[in-house]
Amino acid sequence: MGKIVVGCWDCDYCGADRISGDIKICPKCGKPRGKDVTFYMAGPKQYVEDPDKVSKNPDWLCSFCDTLNADTDKFCTSCGASREDSEMNYFEVKEKQRQEALRKEEENRKKLQNIAPQSSRSAGGRRLLPLLVIAAAVLVIAFMSMPRTKSMKVDAMKWERTVIVEKKQAVQESGWTLPAGAYDVTSRQEIYRYDQILDHYETREREVAEEVLDGYDVTYTYEDLGNGHFEEVEHREPRYRTEYHTEYYEEPVYISVPVYEEKYYYTVIKWIYDRDEVTSGTDNEPYFAEIDLTQDEREGGRKEEYWIVSGGKTYGIDYELWEWITPGSSIDATVKSGRIISVE
């Protein structure tokens, strides 16, 4: 059991304050302490010499005269009522008062809300303003990326078609394997990779930090016993200091050892990009260039692009839509990111 400290209480009838917790009746007006009394600590601490003589149980409240009585009292010292008829002790009284205070606070809050609903809505609006700004920005971005349908007059049409020509050429290359068809082959041993091989260990030292217990920081709290006294509770918080010492360890040392493989140097025939044969126009009759390919040439692929010019702006469009449009016509086009995706 910790040390017992004598608390204080104030008389709710005459206002006398800092009455010792050992005293049950107000020395100024003679009124016994009742349900509205709150025990507290003030001034220099006064310890009880024999703490075993102080009960750790709270006072009980007489249900007839609202007088607080010691746990050892079987009958109320004020009116003589039996303790068996009591319903609450000191802490239960305090909890009931706290709940009542919370209930009144909630009632007052609701009354204030009813008195000033407009100010409440304004405050809520201010809190929502940043969220509304963010939502508006998101909507603007989404709107800009959404397809939009607009009426336009076709001022001009453009097209461009490309034939990619590749040429068979002899290319000098090297590698760790030989491809099919390679000729003029030479080879030599070269470094293929480096392996890290353990060579030896070296003794190193380093400073190591260690947290060492340096003592305890002692603090005290005081537990209300609900009878005019408080129990002193000791709290011990360990305190550490940092110490450093030198530590030795073995660090592995590696060396890079080259690994050799056979590397080949050779000539191989490959199809290499040679040129683009481009055709373009502003009519609606696109065509690919006709090319006389030699035996060492081939087509490497074809590309085609189509555009519509309207109001000084150029829009990309697929051929399947472009081929049905004529210069000077009016169309309703759905545009997304500068490209026409449908036409009505």
Protein backbone atom coordinates (compact mmCIF):
# COMPACT_ATOMS: atom_id res chain seq x y z
CA MET A 1 0.00 0.00 0.00
CA GLY A 2 1.39 3.42 -0.99
CA LYS A 3 1.54 6.45 1.20
CA ILE A 4 -1.81 8.07 2.10
CA VAL A 5 -2.21 11.82 1.66
CA VAL A 6 -4.91 13.86 3.41
CA GLY A 7 -7.10 15.67 0.87
CA CYS A 8 -9.39 18.69 1.11
CA TRP A 9 -13.03 19.55 0.54
CA ASP A 10 -15.14 22.71 0.37
CA CYS A 11 -18.41 23.24 2.19
CA ASP A 12 -21.17 23.73 -0.36
CA TYR A 13 -23.34 25.46 2.27
CA CYS A 14 -21.17 28.24 3.77
CA GLY A 15 -18.27 28.28 1.29
CA ALA A 16 -15.55 27.29 3.73
CA ASP A 17 -12.67 25.86 1.71
CA ARG A 18 -9.67 23.57 2.12
CA ILE A 19 -11.28 21.64 4.96
CA SER A 20 -9.12 18.65 5.88
CA GLY A 21 -10.33 15.32 4.52
CA ASP A 22 -10.07 13.89 8.05
CA ILE A 23 -12.89 16.22 9.14
CA LYS A 24 -16.44 15.03 8.39
CA ILE A 25 -18.33 18.19 9.50
CA CYS A 26 -17.70 21.77 8.38
CA PRO A 27 -15.94 23.54 11.29
CA LYS A 28 -17.51 26.85 10.25
CA CYS A 29 -21.24 26.05 9.90
CA GLY A 30 -21.51 22.50 11.27
CA LYS A 31 -22.99 21.02 8.07
CA PRO A 32 -21.76 17.46 7.32
CA ARG A 33 -20.23 16.91 3.91
CA GLY A 34 -22.77 15.71 1.36
CA LYS A 35 -23.26 14.58 -2.23
CA ASP A 36 -21.99 17.82 -3.83
CA VAL A 37 -18.60 17.59 -2.12
CA THR A 38 -15.56 16.94 -4.30
CA PHE A 39 -12.28 15.86 -2.74
CA TYR A 40 -9.08 17.44 -4.03
CA MET A 41 -5.46 18.08 -3.08
CA ALA A 42 -4.10 21.54 -2.26
CA GLY A 43 -1.08 23.04 -0.55
CA PRO A 44 1.78 21.03 0.99
CA LYS A 45 1.14 17.28 1.14
CA GLN A 46 0.16 15.94 4.55
CA TYR A 47 0.88 12.23 4.89
CA VAL A 48 -1.07 9.94 7.20
CA GLU A 49 1.31 8.52 9.82
CA ASP A 50 -0.38 5.11 9.98
CA PRO A 51 -1.85 4.40 6.51
CA ASP A 52 -3.19 1.00 7.64
CA LYS A 53 -5.79 2.81 9.73
CA VAL A 54 -7.26 4.54 6.66
CA SER A 55 -9.84 2.65 4.62
CA LYS A 56 -9.24 2.48 0.88
CA ASN A 57 -13.00 2.25 0.23
CA PRO A 58 -15.05 5.33 -0.70
CA ASP A 59 -17.64 7.02 1.51
CA TRP A 60 -21.24 5.94 1.10
CA LEU A 61 -24.11 8.38 0.57
CA CYS A 62 -27.12 8.31 2.85
CA SER A 63 -30.22 8.05 0.64
CA PHE A 64 -32.32 9.98 3.19
CA CYS A 65 -30.21 13.06 4.09
CA ASP A 66 -27.49 13.07 1.38
CA THR A 67 -24.67 12.88 3.96
CA LEU A 68 -21.38 11.15 3.12
CA ASN A 69 -20.39 8.53 5.68
CA ALA A 70 -17.19 6.58 6.22
CA ASP A 71 -16.99 3.01 4.92
CA THR A 72 -16.76 1.80 8.52
CA ASP A 73 -20.04 3.48 9.52
CA LYS A 74 -23.01 1.10 9.66
CA PHE A 75 -25.48 3.92 10.22
CA CYS A 76 -25.61 7.50 8.96
CA THR A 77 -23.86 9.83 11.39
CA SER A 78 -26.35 12.57 10.58
CA CYS A 79 -29.78 10.92 10.56
CA GLY A 80 -29.12 7.36 11.77
CA ALA A 81 -30.38 5.64 8.59
CA SER A 82 -28.94 2.18 7.93
CA ARG A 83 -26.17 1.78 5.36
CA GLU A 84 -28.17 -1.10 3.88
CA ASP A 85 -30.66 1.49 2.59
CA SER A 86 -27.98 3.51 0.78
CA GLU A 87 -27.85 3.31 -3.03
CA MET A 88 -24.58 5.01 -4.05
CA ASN A 89 -21.04 5.66 -2.91
CA TYR A 90 -18.91 8.76 -3.54
CA PHE A 91 -17.69 7.65 -6.99
CA GLU A 92 -21.15 6.60 -8.14
CA VAL A 93 -22.47 10.02 -7.12
CA LYS A 94 -19.69 11.73 -9.12
CA GLU A 95 -20.43 9.59 -12.19
CA LYS A 96 -24.15 10.38 -12.00
CA GLN A 97 -23.33 14.11 -11.77
CA ARG A 98 -20.95 13.82 -14.73
CA GLN A 99 -23.60 12.10 -16.87
CA GLU A 100 -26.12 14.79 -15.92
CA ALA A 101 -23.65 17.53 -16.92
CA LEU A 102 -23.09 15.84 -20.29
CA ARG A 103 -26.84 15.60 -20.84
CA LYS A 104 -27.30 19.32 -20.15
CA GLU A 105 -24.37 20.18 -22.40
CA GLU A 106 -25.95 18.20 -25.24
CA GLU A 107 -29.30 19.95 -24.70
CA ASN A 108 -27.60 23.37 -24.83
CA ARG A 109 -25.74 22.39 -28.01
CA LYS A 110 -28.99 21.42 -29.72
CA LYS A 111 -30.60 24.69 -28.63
CA LEU A 112 -27.73 26.68 -30.13
CA GLN A 113 -28.05 24.74 -33.40
CA ASN A 114 -31.74 25.61 -33.58
CA ILE A 115 -31.04 29.29 -32.84
CA ALA A 116 -28.39 29.74 -35.54
CA PRO A 117 -29.01 27.21 -38.33
CA GLN A 118 -27.79 29.63 -41.00
CA SER A 119 -24.38 30.15 -39.37
CA SER A 120 -24.03 26.38 -39.02
CA ARG A 121 -24.74 25.90 -42.71
CA SER A 122 -22.23 28.63 -43.56
CA ALA A 123 -19.54 26.93 -41.49
CA GLY A 124 -20.33 23.63 -43.15
CA GLY A 125 -20.10 25.32 -46.53
CA ARG A 126 -16.66 26.69 -45.69
CA ARG A 127 -15.49 23.21 -44.75
CA LEU A 128 -16.86 21.77 -48.01
CA LEU A 129 -15.34 24.51 -50.22
CA PRO A 130 -11.90 22.83 -50.73
CA LEU A 131 -13.62 19.55 -51.64
CA LEU A 132 -15.86 21.32 -54.14
CA VAL A 133 -12.84 22.99 -55.79
CA ILE A 134 -11.09 19.63 -56.21
CA ALA A 135 -14.25 18.02 -57.58
CA ALA A 136 -14.66 20.86 -60.08
CA ALA A 137 -11.07 20.45 -61.32
CA VAL A 138 -11.61 16.73 -61.82
CA LEU A 139 -14.79 17.40 -63.77
CA VAL A 140 -13.02 19.93 -66.03
CA ILE A 141 -10.26 17.42 -66.85
CA ALA A 142 -12.81 14.70 -67.52
CA PHE A 143 -14.82 17.05 -69.74
CA MET A 144 -11.76 18.01 -71.80
CA SER A 145 -10.95 14.36 -72.49
CA MET A 146 -14.54 13.38 -73.35
CA PRO A 147 -15.54 12.99 -77.01
CA ARG A 148 -17.40 16.06 -78.32
CA THR A 149 -19.63 16.30 -81.36
CA LYS A 150 -19.29 19.43 -83.49
CA SER A 151 -20.50 20.56 -86.87
CA MET A 152 -17.74 21.46 -89.33
CA LYS A 153 -17.24 22.31 -92.96
CA VAL A 154 -14.53 20.32 -94.73
CA ASP A 155 -12.14 22.93 -96.19
CA ALA A 156 -9.57 20.42 -97.43
CA MET A 157 -8.54 16.79 -97.30
CA LYS A 158 -5.02 15.42 -97.06
CA TRP A 159 -3.44 11.99 -97.22
CA GLU A 160 -0.03 10.39 -97.11
CA ARG A 161 0.98 6.83 -97.85
CA THR A 162 4.40 5.27 -97.30
CA VAL A 163 6.06 2.12 -98.57
CA ILE A 164 9.06 1.07 -96.49
CA VAL A 165 11.83 -0.48 -98.58
CA GLU A 166 14.43 -2.82 -97.11
CA LYS A 167 17.65 -3.91 -98.80
CA LYS A 168 19.65 -7.07 -98.38
CA GLN A 169 23.10 -6.08 -97.12
CA ALA A 170 26.21 -7.69 -95.72
CA VAL A 171 26.69 -6.67 -92.08
CA GLN A 172 29.69 -7.28 -89.88
CA GLU A 173 28.74 -8.40 -86.39
CA SER A 174 30.12 -10.24 -83.39
CA GLY A 175 28.69 -12.44 -80.68
CA TRP A 176 29.16 -15.44 -78.43
CA THR A 177 27.23 -17.71 -80.83
CA LEU A 178 27.21 -18.03 -84.61
CA PRO A 179 23.96 -17.28 -86.51
CA ALA A 180 22.95 -19.32 -89.54
CA GLY A 181 24.49 -18.15 -92.80
CA ALA A 182 27.48 -16.43 -91.20
CA TYR A 183 30.69 -16.34 -93.24
CA ASP A 184 34.21 -14.87 -93.05
CA VAL A 185 34.22 -16.16 -89.49
CA THR A 186 37.09 -15.51 -87.09
CA SER A 187 37.17 -16.05 -83.33
CA ARG A 188 39.30 -15.45 -80.27
CA GLN A 189 39.19 -15.92 -76.52
CA GLU A 190 37.76 -12.85 -74.77
CA ILE A 191 36.48 -11.97 -71.31
CA TYR A 192 32.85 -13.12 -71.10
CA ARG A 193 32.23 -12.10 -67.46
CA TYR A 194 33.93 -11.56 -64.11
CA ASP A 195 33.36 -13.85 -61.14
CA GLN A 196 33.83 -12.54 -57.59
CA ILE A 197 36.10 -14.96 -55.72
CA LEU A 198 36.85 -14.80 -51.99
CA ASP A 199 40.54 -13.97 -51.57
CA HIS A 200 41.05 -13.38 -47.85
CA TYR A 201 39.66 -11.69 -44.71
CA GLU A 202 40.79 -8.40 -43.20
CA THR A 203 40.27 -7.38 -39.56
CA ARG A 204 38.28 -4.18 -39.24
CA GLU A 205 37.05 -2.14 -36.29
CA ARG A 206 33.93 -0.08 -35.74
CA GLU A 207 32.32 1.93 -32.97
CA VAL A 208 29.20 0.27 -31.60
CA ALA A 209 26.56 2.15 -29.56
CA GLU A 210 24.88 0.43 -26.62
CA GLU A 211 22.06 1.66 -24.41
CA VAL A 212 22.92 1.10 -20.73
CA LEU A 213 20.54 1.51 -17.80
CA ASP A 214 21.50 4.71 -15.97
CA GLY A 215 18.81 4.81 -13.31
CA TYR A 216 15.13 5.60 -12.95
CA ASP A 217 13.06 8.77 -13.16
CA VAL A 218 10.46 8.65 -10.41
CA THR A 219 7.11 10.44 -10.67
CA TYR A 220 3.98 10.26 -8.55
CA THR A 221 0.26 10.35 -9.20
CA TYR A 222 -2.46 10.47 -6.59
CA GLU A 223 -5.50 8.22 -6.66
CA ASP A 224 -8.67 9.61 -5.11
CA LEU A 225 -9.97 7.10 -2.53
CA GLY A 226 -13.34 8.87 -2.35
CA ASN A 227 -13.13 9.36 1.43
CA GLY A 228 -11.09 12.54 1.85
CA HIS A 229 -7.77 10.80 1.26
CA PHE A 230 -5.55 10.08 -1.73
CA GLU A 231 -3.14 7.21 -2.28
CA GLU A 232 0.30 8.11 -3.62
CA VAL A 233 1.27 5.91 -6.57
CA GLU A 234 4.94 5.77 -7.58
CA HIS A 235 5.92 5.43 -11.25
CA ARG A 236 9.48 4.43 -12.16
CA GLU A 237 10.59 5.16 -15.72
CA PRO A 238 13.95 3.60 -16.70
CA ARG A 239 16.59 6.08 -17.90
CA TYR A 240 19.35 5.02 -20.30
CA ARG A 241 22.67 6.43 -21.42
CA THR A 242 24.55 5.66 -24.62
CA GLU A 243 27.96 4.04 -24.32
CA TYR A 244 30.33 3.32 -27.19
CA HIS A 245 32.89 0.55 -27.53
CA THR A 246 35.16 -0.70 -30.25
CA GLU A 247 34.18 -3.92 -31.98
CA TYR A 248 36.45 -5.98 -34.22
CA TYR A 249 35.17 -8.08 -37.08
CA GLU A 250 36.45 -9.97 -40.12
CA GLU A 251 35.51 -8.48 -43.48
CA PRO A 252 35.74 -10.71 -46.58
CA VAL A 253 37.77 -9.35 -49.49
CA TYR A 254 36.91 -10.49 -53.00
CA ILE A 255 38.83 -10.31 -56.25
CA SER A 256 37.40 -10.19 -59.76
CA VAL A 257 38.48 -13.19 -61.82
CA PRO A 258 37.83 -13.03 -65.59
CA VAL A 259 36.02 -15.91 -67.29
CA TYR A 260 36.98 -16.39 -70.95
CA GLU A 261 34.77 -17.65 -73.76
CA GLU A 262 35.11 -17.94 -77.54
CA LYS A 263 33.84 -14.78 -79.27
CA TYR A 264 33.00 -14.83 -82.99
CA TYR A 265 33.45 -12.11 -85.57
CA TYR A 266 31.58 -12.68 -88.83
CA THR A 267 29.67 -11.31 -91.79
CA VAL A 268 25.97 -12.06 -92.23
CA ILE A 269 23.36 -11.03 -94.80
CA LYS A 270 20.42 -9.06 -93.32
CA TRP A 271 17.45 -7.07 -94.48
CA ILE A 272 18.23 -3.45 -93.51
CA TYR A 273 15.99 -0.39 -93.81
CA ASP A 274 16.90 1.48 -96.97
CA ARG A 275 14.31 4.18 -97.72
CA ASP A 276 10.68 5.37 -97.68
CA GLU A 277 8.70 5.76 -100.90
CA VAL A 278 6.10 8.41 -100.01
CA THR A 279 3.01 9.56 -101.91
CA SER A 280 0.68 12.33 -100.71
CA GLY A 281 -2.11 14.52 -101.97
CA THR A 282 -5.11 16.71 -101.20
CA ASP A 283 -7.66 14.77 -103.23
CA ASN A 284 -9.67 11.75 -102.14
CA GLU A 285 -7.89 9.19 -104.32
CA PRO A 286 -4.88 8.01 -102.27
CA TYR A 287 -2.49 5.40 -103.63
CA PHE A 288 0.76 3.68 -102.72
CA ALA A 289 3.88 4.22 -104.83
CA GLU A 290 4.61 1.56 -107.44
CA ILE A 291 8.21 0.45 -106.95
CA ASP A 292 10.40 -1.67 -109.17
CA LEU A 293 12.22 -3.74 -106.58
CA THR A 294 15.51 -5.45 -107.40
CA GLN A 295 16.20 -8.99 -106.26
CA ASP A 296 18.07 -7.53 -103.27
CA GLU A 297 15.09 -5.38 -102.19
CA ARG A 298 11.72 -6.02 -100.51
CA GLU A 299 8.85 -4.19 -98.88
CA GLY A 300 9.33 -3.77 -95.16
CA GLY A 301 5.81 -2.53 -94.47
CA ARG A 302 3.28 0.16 -95.31
CA LYS A 303 1.93 3.19 -93.46
CA GLU A 304 -0.96 5.52 -94.25
CA GLU A 305 -2.35 8.67 -92.62
CA TYR A 306 -5.40 10.82 -93.39
CA TRP A 307 -6.48 14.29 -92.29
CA ILE A 308 -9.38 16.73 -92.62
CA VAL A 309 -8.84 20.51 -92.44
CA SER A 310 -11.69 22.61 -91.04
CA GLY A 311 -11.63 26.17 -89.75
CA GLY A 312 -7.84 26.28 -89.82
CA LYS A 313 -7.52 23.12 -87.71
CA THR A 314 -6.30 19.72 -88.88
CA TYR A 315 -7.91 16.54 -87.56
CA GLY A 316 -6.62 12.98 -87.92
CA ILE A 317 -9.13 10.40 -89.14
CA ASP A 318 -9.26 6.72 -90.13
CA TYR A 319 -9.51 5.84 -93.83
CA GLU A 320 -12.86 4.06 -93.36
CA LEU A 321 -14.41 7.43 -92.41
CA TRP A 322 -12.22 9.65 -94.62
CA GLU A 323 -13.08 7.91 -97.92
CA TRP A 324 -16.77 8.93 -97.69
CA ILE A 325 -16.03 12.65 -97.19
CA THR A 326 -15.59 15.21 -99.96
CA PRO A 327 -14.07 18.73 -99.84
CA GLY A 328 -16.69 21.44 -99.24
CA SER A 329 -19.12 19.08 -97.48
CA SER A 330 -20.53 19.68 -94.02
CA ILE A 331 -20.34 16.94 -91.41
CA ASP A 332 -21.18 16.33 -87.76
CA ALA A 333 -17.98 14.83 -86.33
CA THR A 334 -17.21 13.39 -82.91
CA VAL A 335 -13.75 14.59 -81.88
CA LYS A 336 -11.56 13.16 -79.13
CA SER A 337 -8.05 14.48 -78.38
CA GLY A 338 -7.82 16.18 -81.80
CA ARG A 339 -8.90 13.11 -83.78
CA ILE A 340 -12.24 12.40 -85.50
CA ILE A 341 -13.63 9.07 -84.25
CA SER A 342 -17.06 9.11 -85.91
CA VAL A 343 -18.94 11.06 -88.59
CA GLU A 344 -22.68 11.60 -89.10
